[in-house]
Amino acid sequence: MRRGVGLGAFDRRAQTSQQYLTHGASVRSTHLSSLRTQLEVFQSLLQQFSATHGDDIRSNPSFRAEFARMCNAIGVDPLASSNSRNKGGGGGSFWAQMLGSSVNDFYFELAVRVVEVCRATRALDGGLIGVGECRERIVAARLKGAGAGRAEGEISDDDILRAVRSLEPLGSGFKIVNVGEQAMIRSVPKELNTDQSKVLEAIQVLGYVTVSMLQVNLGWEVARAQTVLDDLLSDSLVWIDMQADENEYWAPMRMQE
């Protein structure tokens, strides 16, 4: 006669399950400790690298961009505020702690210049300006100012992108958007819908668009094409040329070239 399962079997199963749980917790703890150690090593090496190549990071835009990408790869935001101020430390961003205040000040000064350019051109471009164009305007303004010729004055598109992103947590309304393959700065709190993005992308490629061009290339009805163009026109994102046989809609900066 076959014996039934006794209470001892249940006790052994419970004991085995507990052993598995304990072992799993031990493995997770070991992996977490290992990852924490690796991260500390990476951060230490990053600090040594920044100390050795500090001058290059300050003066060379490409070197600065690569260093920032190295920081991001291990979860360090160079422009994020540090909690060390609350712990009795010097405070400030990672840039300030690693390289002194010069690079930190460079990005915040650049963010101010971006805001100034966007406000100055808002009546022309409706609050949507290309990153490259913004950089060119800032460089031109720097060449006219007393700071011309300083190595720290050299900026890249990557610097502009980081400066704008440093403004986003402030709720400033400044944001990087992609229209086609071009990165642009939006300085007005308005989202572009899909149709508007397609029209602006077409203008980047063709220089201008007309209602008939949108009909042929996108397969839109006249009403749809005209509505989108009228919306963009009302927001000053496009300008209209009424001298041709058919109204042409241009990007504001294109019409000034």
C-alpha atoms as a PDB file:
ATOM      1  CA  MET A   1       0.000   0.000   0.000  1.00  0.00           C
ATOM      2  CA  ARG A   2       1.360   3.386  -1.022  1.00  0.00           C
ATOM      3  CA  ARG A   3       1.976   5.878   1.757  1.00  0.00           C
ATOM      4  CA  GLY A   4       0.602   9.423   1.464  1.00  0.00           C
ATOM      5  CA  VAL A   5       2.568  12.577   1.599  1.00  0.00           C
ATOM      6  CA  GLY A   6       3.361  13.532   5.174  1.00  0.00           C
ATOM      7  CA  LEU A   7       3.868  16.900   6.825  1.00  0.00           C
ATOM      8  CA  GLY A   8       7.599  16.421   6.591  1.00  0.00           C
ATOM      9  CA  ALA A   9       7.423  16.743   2.787  1.00  0.00           C
ATOM     10  CA  PHE A  10       5.707  20.107   3.069  1.00  0.00           C
ATOM     11  CA  ASP A  11       8.363  21.261   5.533  1.00  0.00           C
ATOM     12  CA  ARG A  12      11.135  20.230   3.125  1.00  0.00           C
ATOM     13  CA  ARG A  13       9.469  22.092   0.254  1.00  0.00           C
ATOM     14  CA  ALA A  14       9.132  25.216   2.359  1.00  0.00           C
ATOM     15  CA  GLN A  15      12.759  24.902   3.412  1.00  0.00           C
ATOM     16  CA  THR A  16      13.889  24.465  -0.214  1.00  0.00           C
ATOM     17  CA  SER A  17      11.866  27.487  -1.352  1.00  0.00           C
ATOM     18  CA  GLN A  18      13.389  29.583   1.403  1.00  0.00           C
ATOM     19  CA  GLN A  19      16.873  28.449   0.369  1.00  0.00           C
ATOM     20  CA  TYR A  20      16.161  29.506  -3.241  1.00  0.00           C
ATOM     21  CA  LEU A  21      14.925  32.907  -2.058  1.00  0.00           C
ATOM     22  CA  THR A  22      17.969  33.394   0.127  1.00  0.00           C
ATOM     23  CA  HIS A  23      20.319  32.369  -2.674  1.00  0.00           C
ATOM     24  CA  GLY A  24      18.568  34.696  -5.149  1.00  0.00           C
ATOM     25  CA  ALA A  25      18.821  37.609  -2.753  1.00  0.00           C
ATOM     26  CA  SER A  26      22.519  36.862  -2.232  1.00  0.00           C
ATOM     27  CA  VAL A  27      23.179  36.769  -5.997  1.00  0.00           C
ATOM     28  CA  ARG A  28      21.338  40.060  -6.532  1.00  0.00           C
ATOM     29  CA  SER A  29      23.248  41.678  -3.684  1.00  0.00           C
ATOM     30  CA  THR A  30      26.561  40.454  -5.139  1.00  0.00           C
ATOM     31  CA  HIS A  31      25.705  41.774  -8.618  1.00  0.00           C
ATOM     32  CA  LEU A  32      24.558  45.109  -7.211  1.00  0.00           C
ATOM     33  CA  SER A  33      27.741  45.473  -5.195  1.00  0.00           C
ATOM     34  CA  SER A  34      29.831  44.614  -8.267  1.00  0.00           C
ATOM     35  CA  LEU A  35      27.994  47.153 -10.428  1.00  0.00           C
ATOM     36  CA  ARG A  36      28.365  49.812  -7.736  1.00  0.00           C
ATOM     37  CA  THR A  37      32.113  49.138  -7.559  1.00  0.00           C
ATOM     38  CA  GLN A  38      32.449  49.355 -11.357  1.00  0.00           C
ATOM     39  CA  LEU A  39      30.522  52.632 -11.415  1.00  0.00           C
ATOM     40  CA  GLU A  40      32.764  54.103  -8.726  1.00  0.00           C
ATOM     41  CA  VAL A  41      35.830  53.053 -10.738  1.00  0.00           C
ATOM     42  CA  PHE A  42      34.405  54.629 -13.915  1.00  0.00           C
ATOM     43  CA  GLN A  43      33.596  57.848 -12.094  1.00  0.00           C
ATOM     44  CA  SER A  44      37.077  57.950 -10.600  1.00  0.00           C
ATOM     45  CA  LEU A  45      38.658  57.446 -14.019  1.00  0.00           C
ATOM     46  CA  LEU A  46      36.358  60.095 -15.455  1.00  0.00           C
ATOM     47  CA  GLN A  47      37.485  62.531 -12.777  1.00  0.00           C
ATOM     48  CA  GLN A  48      41.140  61.785 -13.536  1.00  0.00           C
ATOM     49  CA  PHE A  49      40.476  62.236 -17.254  1.00  0.00           C
ATOM     50  CA  SER A  50      38.775  65.595 -16.684  1.00  0.00           C
ATOM     51  CA  ALA A  51      41.680  66.790 -14.535  1.00  0.00           C
ATOM     52  CA  THR A  52      44.237  65.754 -17.151  1.00  0.00           C
ATOM     53  CA  HIS A  53      42.383  67.140 -20.165  1.00  0.00           C
ATOM     54  CA  GLY A  54      40.586  70.057 -18.531  1.00  0.00           C
ATOM     55  CA  ASP A  55      42.070  72.669 -20.869  1.00  0.00           C
ATOM     56  CA  ASP A  56      41.018  70.690 -23.944  1.00  0.00           C
ATOM     57  CA  ILE A  57      37.496  70.257 -22.590  1.00  0.00           C
ATOM     58  CA  ARG A  58      37.189  73.989 -21.947  1.00  0.00           C
ATOM     59  CA  SER A  59      38.545  75.147 -25.307  1.00  0.00           C
ATOM     60  CA  ASN A  60      37.685  72.408 -27.826  1.00  0.00           C
ATOM     61  CA  PRO A  61      33.954  71.979 -28.664  1.00  0.00           C
ATOM     62  CA  SER A  62      34.440  68.483 -30.122  1.00  0.00           C
ATOM     63  CA  PHE A  63      36.434  67.324 -27.110  1.00  0.00           C
ATOM     64  CA  ARG A  64      33.818  68.849 -24.808  1.00  0.00           C
ATOM     65  CA  ALA A  65      31.020  66.994 -26.610  1.00  0.00           C
ATOM     66  CA  GLU A  66      32.831  63.652 -26.377  1.00  0.00           C
ATOM     67  CA  PHE A  67      33.507  64.176 -22.673  1.00  0.00           C
ATOM     68  CA  ALA A  68      29.817  64.929 -22.093  1.00  0.00           C
ATOM     69  CA  ARG A  69      28.870  61.717 -23.922  1.00  0.00           C
ATOM     70  CA  MET A  70      31.267  59.765 -21.701  1.00  0.00           C
ATOM     71  CA  CYS A  71      29.518  61.254 -18.675  1.00  0.00           C
ATOM     72  CA  ASN A  72      26.072  60.355 -20.016  1.00  0.00           C
ATOM     73  CA  ALA A  73      27.198  56.788 -20.725  1.00  0.00           C
ATOM     74  CA  ILE A  74      27.621  56.157 -16.989  1.00  0.00           C
ATOM     75  CA  GLY A  75      24.586  58.172 -15.933  1.00  0.00           C
ATOM     76  CA  VAL A  76      26.306  61.447 -15.024  1.00  0.00           C
ATOM     77  CA  ASP A  77      24.511  64.593 -16.187  1.00  0.00           C
ATOM     78  CA  PRO A  78      27.239  67.259 -16.441  1.00  0.00           C
ATOM     79  CA  LEU A  79      24.765  70.120 -16.007  1.00  0.00           C
ATOM     80  CA  ALA A  80      22.639  68.589 -13.265  1.00  0.00           C
ATOM     81  CA  SER A  81      22.745  70.141  -9.816  1.00  0.00           C
ATOM     82  CA  SER A  82      24.619  68.282  -7.120  1.00  0.00           C
ATOM     83  CA  ASN A  83      23.398  67.525  -3.613  1.00  0.00           C
ATOM     84  CA  SER A  84      26.871  68.117  -2.178  1.00  0.00           C
ATOM     85  CA  ARG A  85      25.870  71.636  -1.221  1.00  0.00           C
ATOM     86  CA  ASN A  86      23.448  70.180   1.296  1.00  0.00           C
ATOM     87  CA  LYS A  87      26.159  67.890   2.613  1.00  0.00           C
ATOM     88  CA  GLY A  88      28.604  70.665   3.333  1.00  0.00           C
ATOM     89  CA  GLY A  89      30.381  70.484  -0.034  1.00  0.00           C
ATOM     90  CA  GLY A  90      30.913  73.151  -2.623  1.00  0.00           C
ATOM     91  CA  GLY A  91      27.765  72.342  -4.590  1.00  0.00           C
ATOM     92  CA  GLY A  92      27.306  73.234  -8.217  1.00  0.00           C
ATOM     93  CA  SER A  93      27.121  71.043 -11.292  1.00  0.00           C
ATOM     94  CA  PHE A  94      29.451  68.231 -12.321  1.00  0.00           C
ATOM     95  CA  TRP A  95      31.182  70.662 -14.707  1.00  0.00           C
ATOM     96  CA  ALA A  96      31.912  73.044 -11.840  1.00  0.00           C
ATOM     97  CA  GLN A  97      33.180  70.310  -9.528  1.00  0.00           C
ATOM     98  CA  MET A  98      35.448  68.669 -12.105  1.00  0.00           C
ATOM     99  CA  LEU A  99      36.666  71.633 -14.164  1.00  0.00           C
ATOM    100  CA  GLY A 100      36.007  74.701 -12.073  1.00  0.00           C
ATOM    101  CA  SER A 101      33.339  77.260 -12.805  1.00  0.00           C
ATOM    102  CA  SER A 102      34.550  78.253 -16.295  1.00  0.00           C
ATOM    103  CA  VAL A 103      32.819  75.456 -18.260  1.00  0.00           C
ATOM    104  CA  ASN A 104      29.775  75.615 -16.016  1.00  0.00           C
ATOM    105  CA  ASP A 105      29.499  79.366 -16.580  1.00  0.00           C
ATOM    106  CA  PHE A 106      30.081  78.838 -20.299  1.00  0.00           C
ATOM    107  CA  TYR A 107      26.945  76.703 -20.653  1.00  0.00           C
ATOM    108  CA  PHE A 108      24.733  78.937 -18.571  1.00  0.00           C
ATOM    109  CA  GLU A 109      25.972  82.010 -20.442  1.00  0.00           C
ATOM    110  CA  LEU A 110      25.309  80.195 -23.702  1.00  0.00           C
ATOM    111  CA  ALA A 111      21.767  79.363 -22.554  1.00  0.00           C
ATOM    112  CA  VAL A 112      21.186  83.078 -21.938  1.00  0.00           C
ATOM    113  CA  ARG A 113      22.460  83.887 -25.440  1.00  0.00           C
ATOM    114  CA  VAL A 114      20.130  81.267 -26.928  1.00  0.00           C
ATOM    115  CA  VAL A 115      17.173  82.858 -25.155  1.00  0.00           C
ATOM    116  CA  GLU A 116      18.187  86.297 -26.446  1.00  0.00           C
ATOM    117  CA  VAL A 117      18.480  85.067 -30.045  1.00  0.00           C
ATOM    118  CA  CYS A 118      15.157  83.225 -29.904  1.00  0.00           C
ATOM    119  CA  ARG A 119      13.372  86.275 -28.546  1.00  0.00           C
ATOM    120  CA  ALA A 120      14.989  88.559 -31.115  1.00  0.00           C
ATOM    121  CA  THR A 121      13.949  86.346 -34.040  1.00  0.00           C
ATOM    122  CA  ARG A 122      10.545  85.227 -32.772  1.00  0.00           C
ATOM    123  CA  ALA A 123       8.681  87.806 -34.850  1.00  0.00           C
ATOM    124  CA  LEU A 124      10.481  86.483 -37.945  1.00  0.00           C
ATOM    125  CA  ASP A 125      10.400  82.729 -37.427  1.00  0.00           C
ATOM    126  CA  GLY A 126       7.406  82.273 -35.124  1.00  0.00           C
ATOM    127  CA  GLY A 127       9.547  80.830 -32.348  1.00  0.00           C
ATOM    128  CA  LEU A 128      11.129  78.012 -34.366  1.00  0.00           C
ATOM    129  CA  ILE A 129      14.798  78.477 -35.279  1.00  0.00           C
ATOM    130  CA  GLY A 130      17.391  75.999 -36.501  1.00  0.00           C
ATOM    131  CA  VAL A 131      20.142  75.040 -34.068  1.00  0.00           C
ATOM    132  CA  GLY A 132      22.798  75.876 -36.656  1.00  0.00           C
ATOM    133  CA  GLU A 133      21.310  79.278 -37.389  1.00  0.00           C
ATOM    134  CA  CYS A 134      21.091  80.063 -33.676  1.00  0.00           C
ATOM    135  CA  ARG A 135      24.759  79.139 -33.266  1.00  0.00           C
ATOM    136  CA  GLU A 136      25.770  81.335 -36.210  1.00  0.00           C
ATOM    137  CA  ARG A 137      23.936  84.310 -34.736  1.00  0.00           C
ATOM    138  CA  ILE A 138      25.588  83.803 -31.350  1.00  0.00           C
ATOM    139  CA  VAL A 139      29.031  83.469 -32.942  1.00  0.00           C
ATOM    140  CA  ALA A 140      28.460  86.645 -34.959  1.00  0.00           C
ATOM    141  CA  ALA A 141      27.429  88.505 -31.800  1.00  0.00           C
ATOM    142  CA  ARG A 142      30.510  87.227 -29.958  1.00  0.00           C
ATOM    143  CA  LEU A 143      32.807  88.422 -32.741  1.00  0.00           C
ATOM    144  CA  LYS A 144      31.421  91.917 -32.271  1.00  0.00           C
ATOM    145  CA  GLY A 145      31.805  91.816 -28.495  1.00  0.00           C
ATOM    146  CA  ALA A 146      34.750  92.175 -26.189  1.00  0.00           C
ATOM    147  CA  GLY A 147      35.042  88.429 -25.750  1.00  0.00           C
ATOM    148  CA  ALA A 148      36.025  87.761 -29.364  1.00  0.00           C
ATOM    149  CA  GLY A 149      39.093  85.588 -29.736  1.00  0.00           C
ATOM    150  CA  ARG A 150      38.743  83.691 -26.456  1.00  0.00           C
ATOM    151  CA  ALA A 151      39.032  79.942 -26.787  1.00  0.00           C
ATOM    152  CA  GLU A 152      36.023  79.543 -24.497  1.00  0.00           C
ATOM    153  CA  GLY A 153      33.989  81.462 -27.062  1.00  0.00           C
ATOM    154  CA  GLU A 154      34.140  78.604 -29.580  1.00  0.00           C
ATOM    155  CA  ILE A 155      30.814  76.808 -29.675  1.00  0.00           C
ATOM    156  CA  SER A 156      29.287  73.911 -31.583  1.00  0.00           C
ATOM    157  CA  ASP A 157      25.776  72.737 -32.354  1.00  0.00           C
ATOM    158  CA  ASP A 158      26.202  70.172 -29.569  1.00  0.00           C
ATOM    159  CA  ASP A 159      26.886  73.011 -27.115  1.00  0.00           C
ATOM    160  CA  ILE A 160      23.668  74.727 -28.230  1.00  0.00           C
ATOM    161  CA  LEU A 161      21.685  71.514 -27.727  1.00  0.00           C
ATOM    162  CA  ARG A 162      23.031  71.039 -24.204  1.00  0.00           C
ATOM    163  CA  ALA A 163      22.401  74.669 -23.311  1.00  0.00           C
ATOM    164  CA  VAL A 164      18.760  74.429 -24.449  1.00  0.00           C
ATOM    165  CA  ARG A 165      18.220  71.166 -22.587  1.00  0.00           C
ATOM    166  CA  SER A 166      19.562  72.808 -19.431  1.00  0.00           C
ATOM    167  CA  LEU A 167      16.620  75.236 -19.696  1.00  0.00           C
ATOM    168  CA  GLU A 168      13.899  72.566 -19.931  1.00  0.00           C
ATOM    169  CA  PRO A 169      13.687  71.786 -16.167  1.00  0.00           C
ATOM    170  CA  LEU A 170      12.995  75.485 -15.565  1.00  0.00           C
ATOM    171  CA  GLY A 171       9.719  75.254 -17.480  1.00  0.00           C
ATOM    172  CA  SER A 172      10.942  77.960 -19.831  1.00  0.00           C
ATOM    173  CA  GLY A 173       9.121  76.575 -22.874  1.00  0.00           C
ATOM    174  CA  PHE A 174      12.387  76.089 -24.775  1.00  0.00           C
ATOM    175  CA  LYS A 175      12.680  72.662 -26.344  1.00  0.00           C
ATOM    176  CA  ILE A 176      14.590  70.844 -29.093  1.00  0.00           C
ATOM    177  CA  VAL A 177      12.343  69.457 -31.838  1.00  0.00           C
ATOM    178  CA  ASN A 178      13.264  67.635 -35.026  1.00  0.00           C
ATOM    179  CA  VAL A 179      11.731  68.778 -38.290  1.00  0.00           C
ATOM    180  CA  GLY A 180      12.842  66.247 -40.852  1.00  0.00           C
ATOM    181  CA  GLU A 181      16.573  65.813 -40.301  1.00  0.00           C
ATOM    182  CA  GLN A 182      17.083  69.284 -38.832  1.00  0.00           C
ATOM    183  CA  ALA A 183      17.208  69.976 -35.103  1.00  0.00           C
ATOM    184  CA  MET A 184      15.374  73.161 -34.219  1.00  0.00           C
ATOM    185  CA  ILE A 185      14.748  75.194 -31.087  1.00  0.00           C
ATOM    186  CA  ARG A 186      11.121  75.834 -30.239  1.00  0.00           C
ATOM    187  CA  SER A 187      10.732  78.820 -27.937  1.00  0.00           C
ATOM    188  CA  VAL A 188       6.941  78.960 -27.863  1.00  0.00           C
ATOM    189  CA  PRO A 189       4.803  76.450 -25.925  1.00  0.00           C
ATOM    190  CA  LYS A 190       3.066  75.030 -28.991  1.00  0.00           C
ATOM    191  CA  GLU A 191       3.387  71.558 -30.452  1.00  0.00           C
ATOM    192  CA  LEU A 192       3.574  71.082 -34.209  1.00  0.00           C
ATOM    193  CA  ASN A 193       1.075  68.575 -35.552  1.00  0.00           C
ATOM    194  CA  THR A 194       2.027  65.973 -38.125  1.00  0.00           C
ATOM    195  CA  ASP A 195       0.807  67.979 -41.136  1.00  0.00           C
ATOM    196  CA  GLN A 196       2.691  71.103 -40.056  1.00  0.00           C
ATOM    197  CA  SER A 197       5.893  69.101 -39.577  1.00  0.00           C
ATOM    198  CA  LYS A 198       5.563  67.608 -43.066  1.00  0.00           C
ATOM    199  CA  VAL A 199       5.122  71.047 -44.640  1.00  0.00           C
ATOM    200  CA  LEU A 200       8.131  72.509 -42.813  1.00  0.00           C
ATOM    201  CA  GLU A 201      10.200  69.504 -43.816  1.00  0.00           C
ATOM    202  CA  ALA A 202       9.176  70.000 -47.450  1.00  0.00           C
ATOM    203  CA  ILE A 203      10.192  73.676 -47.250  1.00  0.00           C
ATOM    204  CA  GLN A 204      13.630  72.637 -45.973  1.00  0.00           C
ATOM    205  CA  VAL A 205      14.100  70.454 -49.050  1.00  0.00           C
ATOM    206  CA  LEU A 206      12.385  72.525 -51.740  1.00  0.00           C
ATOM    207  CA  GLY A 207      12.862  76.051 -50.415  1.00  0.00           C
ATOM    208  CA  TYR A 208       9.155  76.851 -50.575  1.00  0.00           C
ATOM    209  CA  VAL A 209       5.812  75.129 -51.127  1.00  0.00           C
ATOM    210  CA  THR A 210       2.475  75.921 -52.742  1.00  0.00           C
ATOM    211  CA  VAL A 211      -0.936  74.351 -52.342  1.00  0.00           C
ATOM    212  CA  SER A 212      -0.567  72.537 -55.648  1.00  0.00           C
ATOM    213  CA  MET A 213       2.867  71.184 -54.646  1.00  0.00           C
ATOM    214  CA  LEU A 214       1.367  69.725 -51.495  1.00  0.00           C
ATOM    215  CA  GLN A 215      -1.447  68.200 -53.538  1.00  0.00           C
ATOM    216  CA  VAL A 216       0.983  66.512 -55.925  1.00  0.00           C
ATOM    217  CA  ASN A 217       3.660  65.431 -53.437  1.00  0.00           C
ATOM    218  CA  LEU A 218       1.543  64.556 -50.390  1.00  0.00           C
ATOM    219  CA  GLY A 219      -1.777  63.725 -52.029  1.00  0.00           C
ATOM    220  CA  TRP A 220      -3.670  66.277 -49.944  1.00  0.00           C
ATOM    221  CA  GLU A 221      -6.943  67.914 -50.806  1.00  0.00           C
ATOM    222  CA  VAL A 222      -6.884  71.678 -51.398  1.00  0.00           C
ATOM    223  CA  ALA A 223      -8.712  72.400 -48.146  1.00  0.00           C
ATOM    224  CA  ARG A 224      -6.257  70.380 -46.068  1.00  0.00           C
ATOM    225  CA  ALA A 225      -3.196  71.966 -47.668  1.00  0.00           C
ATOM    226  CA  GLN A 226      -4.568  75.490 -47.376  1.00  0.00           C
ATOM    227  CA  THR A 227      -5.594  75.001 -43.740  1.00  0.00           C
ATOM    228  CA  VAL A 228      -2.124  73.839 -42.723  1.00  0.00           C
ATOM    229  CA  LEU A 229      -0.454  76.700 -44.570  1.00  0.00           C
ATOM    230  CA  ASP A 230      -2.827  79.256 -43.056  1.00  0.00           C
ATOM    231  CA  ASP A 231      -2.086  77.908 -39.555  1.00  0.00           C
ATOM    232  CA  LEU A 232       1.676  78.132 -40.136  1.00  0.00           C
ATOM    233  CA  LEU A 233       1.266  81.619 -41.586  1.00  0.00           C
ATOM    234  CA  SER A 234      -0.724  82.828 -38.586  1.00  0.00           C
ATOM    235  CA  ASP A 235       2.063  81.625 -36.271  1.00  0.00           C
ATOM    236  CA  SER A 236       4.739  83.331 -38.442  1.00  0.00           C
ATOM    237  CA  LEU A 237       6.380  79.973 -39.129  1.00  0.00           C
ATOM    238  CA  VAL A 238       6.108  80.663 -42.869  1.00  0.00           C
ATOM    239  CA  TRP A 239       5.917  83.813 -44.962  1.00  0.00           C
ATOM    240  CA  ILE A 240       3.862  84.208 -48.114  1.00  0.00           C
ATOM    241  CA  ASP A 241       5.026  85.484 -51.505  1.00  0.00           C
ATOM    242  CA  MET A 242       2.002  86.643 -53.493  1.00  0.00           C
ATOM    243  CA  GLN A 243       3.914  87.875 -56.543  1.00  0.00           C
ATOM    244  CA  ALA A 244       4.046  84.492 -58.298  1.00  0.00           C
ATOM    245  CA  ASP A 245       1.193  82.932 -60.286  1.00  0.00           C
ATOM    246  CA  GLU A 246       0.382  80.858 -57.200  1.00  0.00           C
ATOM    247  CA  ASN A 247       1.031  81.882 -53.607  1.00  0.00           C
ATOM    248  CA  GLU A 248       4.383  80.546 -52.410  1.00  0.00           C
ATOM    249  CA  TYR A 249       5.054  79.802 -48.733  1.00  0.00           C
ATOM    250  CA  TRP A 250       8.654  80.232 -47.593  1.00  0.00           C
ATOM    251  CA  ALA A 251      10.546  79.764 -44.357  1.00  0.00           C
ATOM    252  CA  PRO A 252      11.227  83.294 -43.009  1.00  0.00           C
ATOM    253  CA  MET A 253      14.993  82.880 -43.043  1.00  0.00           C
ATOM    254  CA  ARG A 254      14.935  81.667 -46.648  1.00  0.00           C
ATOM    255  CA  MET A 255      13.212  84.837 -47.793  1.00  0.00           C
ATOM    256  CA  GLN A 256      15.962  86.942 -46.209  1.00  0.00           C
ATOM    257  CA  GLU A 257      18.817  85.151 -47.993  1.00  0.00           C
END
